[in-house]
Amino acid sequence: MNYLVFARWFGIVSVLLSLGILFNLDDARAMAKNMIRTETGYIMGAVLPIIFGTLALMFSEPLEQSWTIVVTMVGAVLLGIGVFRALFVRQWKGLMAQHIEQIPFLFSLFGLMFGVVLLYVGFIAQLFA
């Protein structure tokens, strides 16, 4: 699997999940409130970003001057978020609790941005290369 396959796959997943959250904000808020009270929140909040971030970094070529730098940056951001959430659980849960009403919308917005950029890298940028 190279960076194009990863960008296409993760872009599609990110856009679809983000649209699902965006169209169901009330349900997403209820799920977010439950998530910070259970172990599932730890898995979703820390483990999954670490997994996807390391996968993105494994399949990128950071020294290459091309669109792979975008995949590398997305991977680094995801890994950083996951590591922060794993090491600073109380702070992450406190931050989530303070902004629980806005988090689903922001999560959806950033997920759409990540997804659209990755879809561009995976599908469209290759047409101009």
N, C-alpha and C. Protein backbone atom coordinates (compact mmCIF):
# COMPACT_ATOMS: atom_id res chain seq x y z
N MET A 1 0.86 -1.18 0.00
CA MET A 1 0.00 0.00 0.00
C MET A 1 0.90 1.24 0.00
N ASN A 2 0.73 2.10 -0.97
CA ASN A 2 1.52 3.32 -1.01
C ASN A 2 0.69 4.50 -0.51
N TYR A 3 1.26 5.68 -0.56
CA TYR A 3 0.57 6.85 0.00
C TYR A 3 -0.71 7.18 -0.75
N LEU A 4 -0.79 6.88 -2.04
CA LEU A 4 -2.01 7.15 -2.80
C LEU A 4 -3.17 6.30 -2.33
N VAL A 5 -2.92 5.03 -2.11
CA VAL A 5 -3.97 4.15 -1.62
C VAL A 5 -4.43 4.61 -0.24
N PHE A 6 -3.46 4.95 0.62
CA PHE A 6 -3.83 5.43 1.95
C PHE A 6 -4.64 6.73 1.85
N ALA A 7 -4.20 7.67 1.03
CA ALA A 7 -4.90 8.95 0.89
C ALA A 7 -6.32 8.74 0.38
N ARG A 8 -6.48 7.88 -0.60
CA ARG A 8 -7.82 7.62 -1.14
C ARG A 8 -8.71 6.97 -0.10
N TRP A 9 -8.19 5.93 0.55
CA TRP A 9 -8.98 5.19 1.54
C TRP A 9 -9.36 6.08 2.72
N PHE A 10 -8.37 6.73 3.32
CA PHE A 10 -8.64 7.54 4.50
C PHE A 10 -9.46 8.78 4.14
N GLY A 11 -9.29 9.31 2.94
CA GLY A 11 -10.10 10.44 2.49
C GLY A 11 -11.58 10.08 2.38
N ILE A 12 -11.86 8.93 1.78
CA ILE A 12 -13.25 8.48 1.65
C ILE A 12 -13.86 8.22 3.03
N VAL A 13 -13.14 7.51 3.88
CA VAL A 13 -13.64 7.22 5.23
C VAL A 13 -13.90 8.51 6.00
N SER A 14 -12.96 9.44 5.94
CA SER A 14 -13.08 10.69 6.68
C SER A 14 -14.28 11.51 6.20
N VAL A 15 -14.45 11.63 4.90
CA VAL A 15 -15.57 12.41 4.37
C VAL A 15 -16.91 11.77 4.74
N LEU A 16 -17.02 10.46 4.59
CA LEU A 16 -18.30 9.79 4.89
C LEU A 16 -18.65 9.89 6.38
N LEU A 17 -17.67 9.64 7.25
CA LEU A 17 -17.95 9.75 8.69
C LEU A 17 -18.28 11.18 9.09
N SER A 18 -17.57 12.14 8.52
CA SER A 18 -17.83 13.54 8.84
C SER A 18 -19.21 13.99 8.39
N LEU A 19 -19.61 13.56 7.21
CA LEU A 19 -20.96 13.90 6.74
C LEU A 19 -22.03 13.25 7.62
N GLY A 20 -21.77 12.01 8.04
CA GLY A 20 -22.71 11.35 8.94
C GLY A 20 -22.88 12.10 10.25
N ILE A 21 -21.79 12.58 10.79
CA ILE A 21 -21.85 13.37 12.03
C ILE A 21 -22.56 14.69 11.77
N LEU A 22 -22.22 15.35 10.67
CA LEU A 22 -22.79 16.66 10.36
C LEU A 22 -24.31 16.59 10.19
N PHE A 23 -24.80 15.53 9.58
CA PHE A 23 -26.24 15.40 9.36
C PHE A 23 -26.99 14.86 10.58
N ASN A 24 -26.27 14.44 11.60
CA ASN A 24 -26.87 13.91 12.82
C ASN A 24 -26.22 14.52 14.06
N LEU A 25 -26.17 15.84 14.12
CA LEU A 25 -25.44 16.53 15.19
C LEU A 25 -26.00 16.23 16.58
N ASP A 26 -27.32 16.14 16.71
CA ASP A 26 -27.90 15.87 18.04
C ASP A 26 -27.47 14.49 18.55
N ASP A 27 -27.54 13.50 17.68
CA ASP A 27 -27.09 12.17 18.07
C ASP A 27 -25.58 12.15 18.35
N ALA A 28 -24.81 12.89 17.55
CA ALA A 28 -23.36 12.95 17.76
C ALA A 28 -23.03 13.59 19.10
N ARG A 29 -23.78 14.61 19.50
CA ARG A 29 -23.55 15.23 20.82
C ARG A 29 -23.83 14.23 21.94
N ALA A 30 -24.90 13.47 21.80
CA ALA A 30 -25.22 12.47 22.83
C ALA A 30 -24.14 11.40 22.89
N MET A 31 -23.65 10.96 21.73
CA MET A 31 -22.57 9.97 21.71
C MET A 31 -21.29 10.53 22.31
N ALA A 32 -20.99 11.80 22.04
CA ALA A 32 -19.78 12.42 22.59
C ALA A 32 -19.85 12.49 24.11
N LYS A 33 -21.02 12.81 24.64
CA LYS A 33 -21.17 12.86 26.10
C LYS A 33 -20.94 11.49 26.72
N ASN A 34 -21.46 10.46 26.07
CA ASN A 34 -21.25 9.09 26.57
C ASN A 34 -19.80 8.65 26.39
N MET A 35 -19.17 9.14 25.33
CA MET A 35 -17.81 8.71 25.02
C MET A 35 -16.82 9.14 26.09
N ILE A 36 -16.97 10.32 26.66
CA ILE A 36 -15.99 10.78 27.65
C ILE A 36 -16.18 10.12 29.01
N ARG A 37 -17.25 9.36 29.16
CA ARG A 37 -17.48 8.67 30.43
C ARG A 37 -17.09 7.20 30.41
N THR A 38 -16.74 6.66 29.26
CA THR A 38 -16.47 5.23 29.16
C THR A 38 -15.10 4.96 28.57
N GLU A 39 -14.71 3.70 28.62
CA GLU A 39 -13.43 3.29 28.03
C GLU A 39 -13.45 3.41 26.52
N THR A 40 -14.62 3.36 25.93
CA THR A 40 -14.73 3.50 24.48
C THR A 40 -14.17 4.84 24.04
N GLY A 41 -14.37 5.86 24.85
CA GLY A 41 -13.83 7.17 24.53
C GLY A 41 -12.33 7.17 24.45
N TYR A 42 -11.69 6.40 25.31
CA TYR A 42 -10.23 6.31 25.28
C TYR A 42 -9.78 5.63 23.99
N ILE A 43 -10.46 4.57 23.62
CA ILE A 43 -10.10 3.85 22.40
C ILE A 43 -10.32 4.74 21.18
N MET A 44 -11.48 5.35 21.10
CA MET A 44 -11.78 6.21 19.95
C MET A 44 -10.91 7.46 19.94
N GLY A 45 -10.64 8.00 21.11
CA GLY A 45 -9.91 9.26 21.20
C GLY A 45 -8.42 9.14 21.09
N ALA A 46 -7.84 8.05 21.54
CA ALA A 46 -6.38 7.93 21.56
C ALA A 46 -5.86 6.83 20.64
N VAL A 47 -6.41 5.65 20.77
CA VAL A 47 -5.86 4.51 20.04
C VAL A 47 -6.04 4.64 18.53
N LEU A 48 -7.23 5.00 18.08
CA LEU A 48 -7.46 5.10 16.64
C LEU A 48 -6.61 6.18 15.96
N PRO A 49 -6.48 7.39 16.53
CA PRO A 49 -5.58 8.35 15.89
C PRO A 49 -4.12 7.89 15.87
N ILE A 50 -3.69 7.17 16.89
CA ILE A 50 -2.32 6.65 16.89
C ILE A 50 -2.17 5.62 15.77
N ILE A 51 -3.14 4.74 15.62
CA ILE A 51 -3.07 3.72 14.56
C ILE A 51 -3.05 4.37 13.18
N PHE A 52 -4.02 5.26 12.91
CA PHE A 52 -4.09 5.87 11.59
C PHE A 52 -2.92 6.81 11.33
N GLY A 53 -2.47 7.50 12.37
CA GLY A 53 -1.31 8.39 12.20
C GLY A 53 -0.05 7.63 11.86
N THR A 54 0.18 6.53 12.56
CA THR A 54 1.39 5.75 12.25
C THR A 54 1.29 5.09 10.88
N LEU A 55 0.09 4.66 10.49
CA LEU A 55 -0.09 4.10 9.14
C LEU A 55 0.23 5.14 8.08
N ALA A 56 -0.27 6.36 8.28
CA ALA A 56 0.01 7.42 7.31
C ALA A 56 1.50 7.70 7.23
N LEU A 57 2.16 7.73 8.36
CA LEU A 57 3.61 7.99 8.36
C LEU A 57 4.40 6.84 7.74
N MET A 58 3.93 5.62 7.92
CA MET A 58 4.63 4.48 7.35
C MET A 58 4.56 4.47 5.83
N PHE A 59 3.47 4.96 5.26
CA PHE A 59 3.29 4.89 3.82
C PHE A 59 3.60 6.19 3.11
N SER A 60 4.12 7.17 3.83
CA SER A 60 4.50 8.42 3.19
C SER A 60 6.01 8.45 2.98
N GLU A 61 6.43 9.35 2.13
CA GLU A 61 7.85 9.55 1.88
C GLU A 61 8.14 11.01 2.15
N PRO A 62 8.49 11.33 3.43
CA PRO A 62 8.56 12.74 3.85
C PRO A 62 9.64 13.56 3.14
N LEU A 63 10.66 12.95 2.59
CA LEU A 63 11.72 13.70 1.94
C LEU A 63 11.41 14.01 0.48
N GLU A 64 10.38 13.40 -0.04
CA GLU A 64 10.01 13.62 -1.43
C GLU A 64 9.21 14.92 -1.55
N GLN A 65 9.55 15.74 -2.52
CA GLN A 65 8.87 17.02 -2.74
C GLN A 65 7.65 16.80 -3.64
N SER A 66 6.57 16.33 -3.04
CA SER A 66 5.34 16.11 -3.81
C SER A 66 4.17 16.13 -2.83
N TRP A 67 3.07 15.59 -3.28
CA TRP A 67 1.87 15.56 -2.45
C TRP A 67 2.00 14.59 -1.28
N THR A 68 3.03 13.80 -1.24
CA THR A 68 3.21 12.90 -0.09
C THR A 68 3.40 13.67 1.20
N ILE A 69 3.85 14.91 1.09
CA ILE A 69 4.04 15.74 2.30
C ILE A 69 2.69 15.98 2.99
N VAL A 70 1.61 16.04 2.23
CA VAL A 70 0.28 16.22 2.83
C VAL A 70 -0.09 14.99 3.66
N VAL A 71 0.15 13.81 3.12
CA VAL A 71 -0.14 12.58 3.84
C VAL A 71 0.73 12.51 5.09
N THR A 72 1.98 12.93 4.98
CA THR A 72 2.88 12.95 6.12
C THR A 72 2.37 13.90 7.20
N MET A 73 1.91 15.08 6.79
CA MET A 73 1.40 16.06 7.76
C MET A 73 0.13 15.56 8.44
N VAL A 74 -0.78 14.97 7.68
CA VAL A 74 -2.00 14.41 8.27
C VAL A 74 -1.63 13.31 9.28
N GLY A 75 -0.71 12.45 8.91
CA GLY A 75 -0.27 11.39 9.81
C GLY A 75 0.36 11.95 11.08
N ALA A 76 1.19 12.98 10.94
CA ALA A 76 1.84 13.58 12.10
C ALA A 76 0.82 14.23 13.03
N VAL A 77 -0.16 14.91 12.46
CA VAL A 77 -1.21 15.54 13.27
C VAL A 77 -2.02 14.47 14.02
N LEU A 78 -2.43 13.43 13.31
CA LEU A 78 -3.19 12.36 13.95
C LEU A 78 -2.39 11.69 15.06
N LEU A 79 -1.12 11.41 14.79
CA LEU A 79 -0.27 10.79 15.80
C LEU A 79 -0.12 11.71 17.01
N GLY A 80 0.09 12.99 16.77
CA GLY A 80 0.21 13.95 17.87
C GLY A 80 -1.05 14.02 18.71
N ILE A 81 -2.20 14.04 18.06
CA ILE A 81 -3.47 14.07 18.78
C ILE A 81 -3.63 12.80 19.62
N GLY A 82 -3.35 11.67 19.02
CA GLY A 82 -3.48 10.40 19.75
C GLY A 82 -2.54 10.31 20.94
N VAL A 83 -1.31 10.74 20.76
CA VAL A 83 -0.34 10.70 21.86
C VAL A 83 -0.77 11.65 22.98
N PHE A 84 -1.23 12.85 22.63
CA PHE A 84 -1.71 13.78 23.65
C PHE A 84 -2.85 13.17 24.44
N ARG A 85 -3.80 12.58 23.74
CA ARG A 85 -4.96 11.99 24.41
C ARG A 85 -4.57 10.78 25.25
N ALA A 86 -3.56 10.04 24.84
CA ALA A 86 -3.14 8.87 25.61
C ALA A 86 -2.35 9.27 26.86
N LEU A 87 -1.54 10.30 26.75
CA LEU A 87 -0.71 10.71 27.88
C LEU A 87 -1.42 11.63 28.86
N PHE A 88 -2.32 12.45 28.36
CA PHE A 88 -3.00 13.45 29.19
C PHE A 88 -4.51 13.22 29.17
N VAL A 89 -4.91 12.08 29.70
CA VAL A 89 -6.32 11.67 29.65
C VAL A 89 -7.21 12.66 30.39
N ARG A 90 -6.83 13.04 31.60
CA ARG A 90 -7.67 13.96 32.39
C ARG A 90 -7.86 15.30 31.67
N GLN A 91 -6.78 15.83 31.13
CA GLN A 91 -6.87 17.11 30.43
C GLN A 91 -7.74 17.00 29.18
N TRP A 92 -7.60 15.88 28.47
CA TRP A 92 -8.41 15.69 27.27
C TRP A 92 -9.88 15.56 27.64
N LYS A 93 -10.17 14.77 28.68
CA LYS A 93 -11.56 14.60 29.10
C LYS A 93 -12.14 15.92 29.60
N GLY A 94 -11.33 16.72 30.31
CA GLY A 94 -11.80 18.03 30.79
C GLY A 94 -12.08 18.98 29.64
N LEU A 95 -11.21 18.99 28.66
CA LEU A 95 -11.42 19.83 27.48
C LEU A 95 -12.66 19.41 26.72
N MET A 96 -12.85 18.10 26.58
CA MET A 96 -14.05 17.59 25.92
C MET A 96 -15.31 18.00 26.68
N ALA A 97 -15.28 17.85 27.99
CA ALA A 97 -16.46 18.17 28.81
C ALA A 97 -16.80 19.66 28.71
N GLN A 98 -15.80 20.51 28.65
CA GLN A 98 -16.06 21.96 28.58
C GLN A 98 -16.70 22.37 27.26
N HIS A 99 -16.34 21.70 26.18
CA HIS A 99 -16.79 22.12 24.85
C HIS A 99 -17.61 21.04 24.15
N ILE A 100 -18.32 20.24 24.91
CA ILE A 100 -19.02 19.08 24.37
C ILE A 100 -20.08 19.45 23.32
N GLU A 101 -20.65 20.63 23.42
CA GLU A 101 -21.69 21.03 22.47
C GLU A 101 -21.12 21.37 21.09
N GLN A 102 -19.90 21.90 21.05
CA GLN A 102 -19.30 22.31 19.79
C GLN A 102 -18.45 21.21 19.15
N ILE A 103 -18.03 20.25 19.92
CA ILE A 103 -17.07 19.26 19.44
C ILE A 103 -17.57 18.44 18.24
N PRO A 104 -18.79 17.93 18.23
CA PRO A 104 -19.20 17.16 17.05
C PRO A 104 -19.15 17.97 15.75
N PHE A 105 -19.58 19.22 15.80
CA PHE A 105 -19.52 20.05 14.60
C PHE A 105 -18.08 20.29 14.17
N LEU A 106 -17.21 20.63 15.13
CA LEU A 106 -15.80 20.87 14.81
C LEU A 106 -15.12 19.60 14.31
N PHE A 107 -15.44 18.48 14.94
CA PHE A 107 -14.89 17.20 14.50
C PHE A 107 -15.29 16.93 13.06
N SER A 108 -16.55 17.19 12.74
CA SER A 108 -17.04 16.99 11.39
C SER A 108 -16.35 17.95 10.42
N LEU A 109 -16.20 19.19 10.81
CA LEU A 109 -15.57 20.19 9.95
C LEU A 109 -14.12 19.82 9.64
N PHE A 110 -13.34 19.48 10.68
CA PHE A 110 -11.95 19.11 10.44
C PHE A 110 -11.84 17.79 9.69
N GLY A 111 -12.75 16.86 9.96
CA GLY A 111 -12.76 15.60 9.23
C GLY A 111 -13.03 15.81 7.74
N LEU A 112 -13.95 16.73 7.44
CA LEU A 112 -14.23 17.05 6.04
C LEU A 112 -13.01 17.70 5.38
N MET A 113 -12.35 18.60 6.11
CA MET A 113 -11.16 19.24 5.54
C MET A 113 -10.07 18.21 5.27
N PHE A 114 -9.78 17.36 6.25
CA PHE A 114 -8.79 16.30 6.06
C PHE A 114 -9.18 15.42 4.88
N GLY A 115 -10.45 15.01 4.85
CA GLY A 115 -10.91 14.10 3.82
C GLY A 115 -10.83 14.69 2.42
N VAL A 116 -11.24 15.93 2.26
CA VAL A 116 -11.20 16.57 0.95
C VAL A 116 -9.76 16.73 0.48
N VAL A 117 -8.87 17.14 1.38
CA VAL A 117 -7.46 17.27 1.00
C VAL A 117 -6.89 15.91 0.59
N LEU A 118 -7.19 14.89 1.37
CA LEU A 118 -6.68 13.56 1.04
C LEU A 118 -7.27 13.03 -0.26
N LEU A 119 -8.55 13.30 -0.51
CA LEU A 119 -9.15 12.88 -1.79
C LEU A 119 -8.51 13.62 -2.96
N TYR A 120 -8.21 14.89 -2.75
CA TYR A 120 -7.51 15.63 -3.81
C TYR A 120 -6.15 15.01 -4.09
N VAL A 121 -5.40 14.73 -3.01
CA VAL A 121 -4.07 14.12 -3.17
C VAL A 121 -4.19 12.76 -3.84
N GLY A 122 -5.16 11.96 -3.41
CA GLY A 122 -5.28 10.60 -3.90
C GLY A 122 -5.82 10.47 -5.31
N PHE A 123 -6.71 11.36 -5.70
CA PHE A 123 -7.36 11.22 -7.00
C PHE A 123 -7.01 12.32 -7.99
N ILE A 124 -7.12 13.56 -7.60
CA ILE A 124 -7.04 14.66 -8.55
C ILE A 124 -5.60 15.11 -8.83
N ALA A 125 -4.78 15.23 -7.81
CA ALA A 125 -3.41 15.71 -8.01
C ALA A 125 -2.63 14.82 -8.96
N GLN A 126 -2.97 13.55 -9.00
CA GLN A 126 -2.26 12.61 -9.89
C GLN A 126 -2.56 12.89 -11.36
N LEU A 127 -3.67 13.54 -11.64
CA LEU A 127 -4.01 13.86 -13.03
C LEU A 127 -3.09 14.96 -13.59
N PHE A 128 -2.56 15.80 -12.70
CA PHE A 128 -1.71 16.90 -13.12
C PHE A 128 -0.22 16.63 -12.96
N ALA A 129 0.11 15.44 -12.46
CA ALA A 129 1.53 15.12 -12.23
C ALA A 129 2.22 14.65 -13.49
